[in-house]
Amino acid sequence: MANVGSLRINHSPAQERYEAILKPGSTAGSTESGDYVIDDEQVVGYLDYVSEPYQVVLTHTVIHEQYSGHGYAGQLVREVLDDIRDAGKQVVPVCSYVQRFITQHPEYADMAVPVPQ
């Protein structure tokens, strides 16, 4: 999968999940010296989905609390939507974060299918 900023996005089709992984040496959390670095890759969050023949149902986006506020959710969702577009599928944005993201980024509106009520 692609590297996005300081993140690497990993797609696991068997788990129906995309993971946002912070690359080593990226800013993440404070150390005792006050530096914001980590030595190992850290999963900062994930997006779960259900794959169907012509569409992908995006069910849940999570960014772990200690990583919130850095724009990681937006980077993750953008990469997921780009990947799904490349596959020629539409999305059903059940996840409220994904719904808001698509509303704020109309370039993805054409691939969104209304969520069944």
Protein backbone atom coordinates (compact mmCIF):
# COMPACT_ATOMS: atom_id res chain seq x y z
CA MET A 1 0.00 0.00 0.00
CA ALA A 2 1.08 3.63 -0.11
CA ASN A 3 2.98 5.85 2.27
CA VAL A 4 0.99 8.95 3.21
CA GLY A 5 2.97 11.67 4.97
CA SER A 6 4.41 10.00 8.08
CA LEU A 7 1.96 7.11 7.76
CA ARG A 8 2.07 3.83 5.93
CA ILE A 9 -1.38 2.51 5.06
CA ASN A 10 -1.60 -1.28 5.15
CA HIS A 11 -4.53 -3.12 3.54
CA SER A 12 -5.46 -6.52 4.94
CA PRO A 13 -8.24 -7.95 2.73
CA ALA A 14 -8.50 -11.11 4.86
CA GLN A 15 -9.40 -8.96 7.89
CA GLU A 16 -11.36 -6.43 5.81
CA ARG A 17 -9.28 -3.69 7.41
CA TYR A 18 -6.95 -0.84 6.48
CA GLU A 19 -4.40 0.11 9.14
CA ALA A 20 -2.60 3.43 9.58
CA ILE A 21 0.94 2.70 10.73
CA LEU A 22 3.29 5.39 11.98
CA LYS A 23 6.73 4.92 10.47
CA PRO A 24 9.80 4.71 12.74
CA GLY A 25 11.23 8.09 13.62
CA SER A 26 7.93 9.89 13.03
CA THR A 27 6.44 12.19 15.63
CA ALA A 28 4.09 10.35 17.92
CA GLY A 29 4.45 10.95 21.62
CA SER A 30 6.71 12.66 24.09
CA THR A 31 9.77 10.89 25.43
CA GLU A 32 11.53 11.73 28.68
CA SER A 33 13.87 14.09 26.80
CA GLY A 34 10.91 15.93 25.30
CA ASP A 35 11.53 14.60 21.78
CA TYR A 36 8.57 13.30 19.81
CA VAL A 37 9.96 10.15 18.23
CA ILE A 38 9.29 6.44 18.31
CA ASP A 39 11.65 3.59 17.51
CA ASP A 40 9.16 1.02 16.19
CA GLU A 41 6.18 1.20 13.89
CA GLN A 42 2.94 1.84 15.74
CA VAL A 43 -0.61 1.19 14.55
CA VAL A 44 -2.31 4.53 15.14
CA GLY A 45 -5.71 3.46 13.89
CA TYR A 46 -7.73 1.47 11.39
CA LEU A 47 -10.76 1.50 9.12
CA ASP A 48 -12.97 -1.60 8.98
CA TYR A 49 -15.14 -2.46 6.00
CA VAL A 50 -17.28 -5.16 4.42
CA SER A 51 -16.49 -5.94 0.80
CA GLU A 52 -19.37 -6.68 -1.57
CA PRO A 53 -19.22 -7.41 -5.31
CA TYR A 54 -19.78 -3.81 -6.52
CA GLN A 55 -19.33 -1.74 -3.39
CA VAL A 56 -17.47 -1.51 -0.10
CA VAL A 57 -19.34 -0.76 3.12
CA LEU A 58 -17.11 1.42 5.32
CA THR A 59 -18.26 0.55 8.83
CA HIS A 60 -15.88 2.02 11.39
CA THR A 61 -12.86 4.33 11.63
CA VAL A 62 -10.71 4.42 14.78
CA ILE A 63 -7.68 6.52 15.65
CA HIS A 64 -6.27 5.63 19.05
CA GLU A 65 -6.66 8.48 21.54
CA GLN A 66 -2.96 9.22 21.96
CA TYR A 67 -2.70 9.85 18.19
CA SER A 68 -5.83 11.97 17.72
CA GLY A 69 -5.59 15.52 16.48
CA HIS A 70 -2.76 14.91 13.98
CA GLY A 71 -4.88 14.44 10.84
CA TYR A 72 -4.26 10.70 10.69
CA ALA A 73 -7.95 9.83 10.25
CA GLY A 74 -8.23 12.07 7.21
CA GLN A 75 -5.07 10.62 5.68
CA LEU A 76 -6.36 7.09 6.30
CA VAL A 77 -9.82 7.74 4.84
CA ARG A 78 -8.40 9.53 1.76
CA GLU A 79 -6.09 6.60 1.00
CA VAL A 80 -8.90 4.07 1.51
CA LEU A 81 -11.26 5.98 -0.80
CA ASP A 82 -8.54 6.30 -3.45
CA ASP A 83 -7.85 2.56 -3.25
CA ILE A 84 -11.55 1.71 -3.58
CA ARG A 85 -11.93 4.11 -6.53
CA ASP A 86 -8.96 2.43 -8.23
CA ALA A 87 -10.77 -0.91 -7.80
CA GLY A 88 -13.80 0.53 -9.61
CA LYS A 89 -16.17 0.13 -6.68
CA GLN A 90 -18.54 2.47 -4.88
CA VAL A 91 -18.67 3.04 -1.12
CA VAL A 92 -21.47 2.89 1.42
CA PRO A 93 -20.25 5.26 4.17
CA VAL A 94 -21.88 3.81 7.30
CA CYS A 95 -19.10 5.32 9.44
CA SER A 96 -20.02 8.88 10.48
CA TYR A 97 -16.42 10.08 10.06
CA VAL A 98 -16.33 8.83 6.47
CA GLN A 99 -19.72 10.49 5.81
CA ARG A 100 -18.36 13.86 7.02
CA PHE A 101 -15.12 13.39 5.09
CA ILE A 102 -17.01 12.81 1.82
CA THR A 103 -19.23 15.85 2.50
CA GLN A 104 -16.12 17.99 3.05
CA HIS A 105 -14.29 16.52 0.02
CA PRO A 106 -16.81 16.53 -2.85
CA GLU A 107 -14.29 14.89 -5.19
CA TYR A 108 -15.38 11.62 -3.54
CA ALA A 109 -19.16 12.25 -3.67
CA ASP A 110 -19.58 10.43 -7.00
CA MET A 111 -18.50 7.13 -5.47
CA ALA A 112 -20.77 7.30 -2.38
CA VAL A 113 -23.99 5.31 -2.27
CA PRO A 114 -26.72 6.37 0.18
CA VAL A 115 -26.70 4.45 3.45
CA PRO A 116 -29.83 2.27 3.71
CA GLN A 117 -32.06 3.31 6.61
